[in-house]
Amino acid sequence: METRIALIGIIVEDLKASDALNKTLHDFAPYIVGRMGVPYPKKEVSIISVIIDAPSDVISSLSGKLGMIKGLNVKVQYSKK
């Protein structure tokens, strides 16, 4: 099956959501190329970038599950390649 590269941007607005976030990312670990997180204490948030190489339905599933976690703001950007 053809895969796509996507960047999932996550803003953690409630740190209590971190456990659910990490569990969800762990469930999709085979597709994750890399991840970078930056805490921003001044605004009491953390910003996480996740790079994923997966079929479109897997990317949609992951972003949908993340989007349902209260305290997260999630956006996805797809590569044209």
Protein backbone atom coordinates (compact mmCIF):
# COMPACT_ATOMS: atom_id res chain seq x y z
CA MET A 1 0.00 0.00 0.00
CA GLU A 2 1.24 3.49 -0.85
CA THR A 3 2.30 5.67 2.06
CA ARG A 4 2.39 9.41 2.54
CA ILE A 5 4.55 11.64 4.68
CA ALA A 6 2.73 13.93 7.07
CA LEU A 7 3.56 16.31 9.87
CA ILE A 8 1.23 16.21 12.86
CA GLY A 9 1.40 19.36 14.96
CA ILE A 10 0.16 18.98 18.52
CA ILE A 11 -0.27 21.70 21.13
CA VAL A 12 -0.73 20.23 24.59
CA GLU A 13 -2.88 22.74 26.45
CA ASP A 14 -3.55 20.44 29.43
CA LEU A 15 -0.61 18.40 30.70
CA LYS A 16 -3.04 15.81 32.08
CA ALA A 17 -3.52 14.73 28.45
CA SER A 18 0.12 13.61 28.19
CA ASP A 19 -0.49 10.00 29.24
CA ALA A 20 -3.23 9.47 26.65
CA LEU A 21 -1.11 11.26 24.03
CA ASN A 22 1.94 9.07 24.66
CA LYS A 23 -0.12 5.86 24.69
CA THR A 24 -1.72 6.78 21.36
CA LEU A 25 1.63 7.61 19.77
CA HIS A 26 3.05 4.34 21.11
CA ASP A 27 0.23 2.44 19.39
CA PHE A 28 1.30 3.96 16.05
CA ALA A 29 5.07 3.68 16.68
CA PRO A 30 5.82 1.57 13.57
CA TYR A 31 4.78 4.49 11.36
CA ILE A 32 6.48 7.32 13.26
CA VAL A 33 9.69 8.60 11.67
CA GLY A 34 10.50 11.13 14.38
CA ARG A 35 9.12 13.30 17.11
CA MET A 36 10.20 16.55 18.72
CA GLY A 37 8.64 18.18 21.75
CA VAL A 38 9.27 21.62 23.16
CA PRO A 39 7.84 22.79 26.47
CA TYR A 40 6.77 26.43 26.60
CA PRO A 41 6.30 27.20 30.31
CA LYS A 42 5.57 30.89 29.72
CA LYS A 43 2.28 29.95 28.04
CA GLU A 44 1.82 26.71 30.01
CA VAL A 45 1.76 24.53 26.88
CA SER A 46 3.99 22.03 25.10
CA ILE A 47 4.36 21.83 21.34
CA ILE A 48 5.03 18.48 19.68
CA SER A 49 5.82 17.72 16.04
CA VAL A 50 5.39 14.15 14.84
CA ILE A 51 6.60 13.02 11.41
CA ILE A 52 4.76 9.97 10.10
CA ASP A 53 5.13 7.83 6.97
CA ALA A 54 1.97 5.75 6.63
CA PRO A 55 -1.05 5.03 4.45
CA SER A 56 -3.56 7.89 4.44
CA ASP A 57 -6.10 5.92 6.50
CA VAL A 58 -3.53 5.32 9.25
CA ILE A 59 -2.62 9.02 9.35
CA SER A 60 -6.31 9.91 9.55
CA SER A 61 -6.87 7.36 12.30
CA LEU A 62 -3.98 8.67 14.38
CA SER A 63 -4.92 12.33 13.95
CA GLY A 64 -8.56 11.52 14.73
CA LYS A 65 -7.66 9.67 17.93
CA LEU A 66 -5.35 12.48 19.01
CA GLY A 67 -8.01 15.07 18.20
CA MET A 68 -10.47 13.36 20.53
CA ILE A 69 -8.13 13.69 23.53
CA LYS A 70 -9.31 16.59 25.66
CA GLY A 71 -6.54 19.16 26.16
CA LEU A 72 -4.88 18.67 22.76
CA ASN A 73 -5.06 20.84 19.66
CA VAL A 74 -4.06 18.77 16.60
CA LYS A 75 -3.43 19.69 12.95
CA VAL A 76 -2.04 17.61 10.08
CA GLN A 77 -0.11 18.72 7.02
CA TYR A 78 0.54 16.26 4.19
CA SER A 79 3.50 16.18 1.84
CA LYS A 80 2.73 16.28 -1.88
CA LYS A 81 5.14 13.35 -2.39
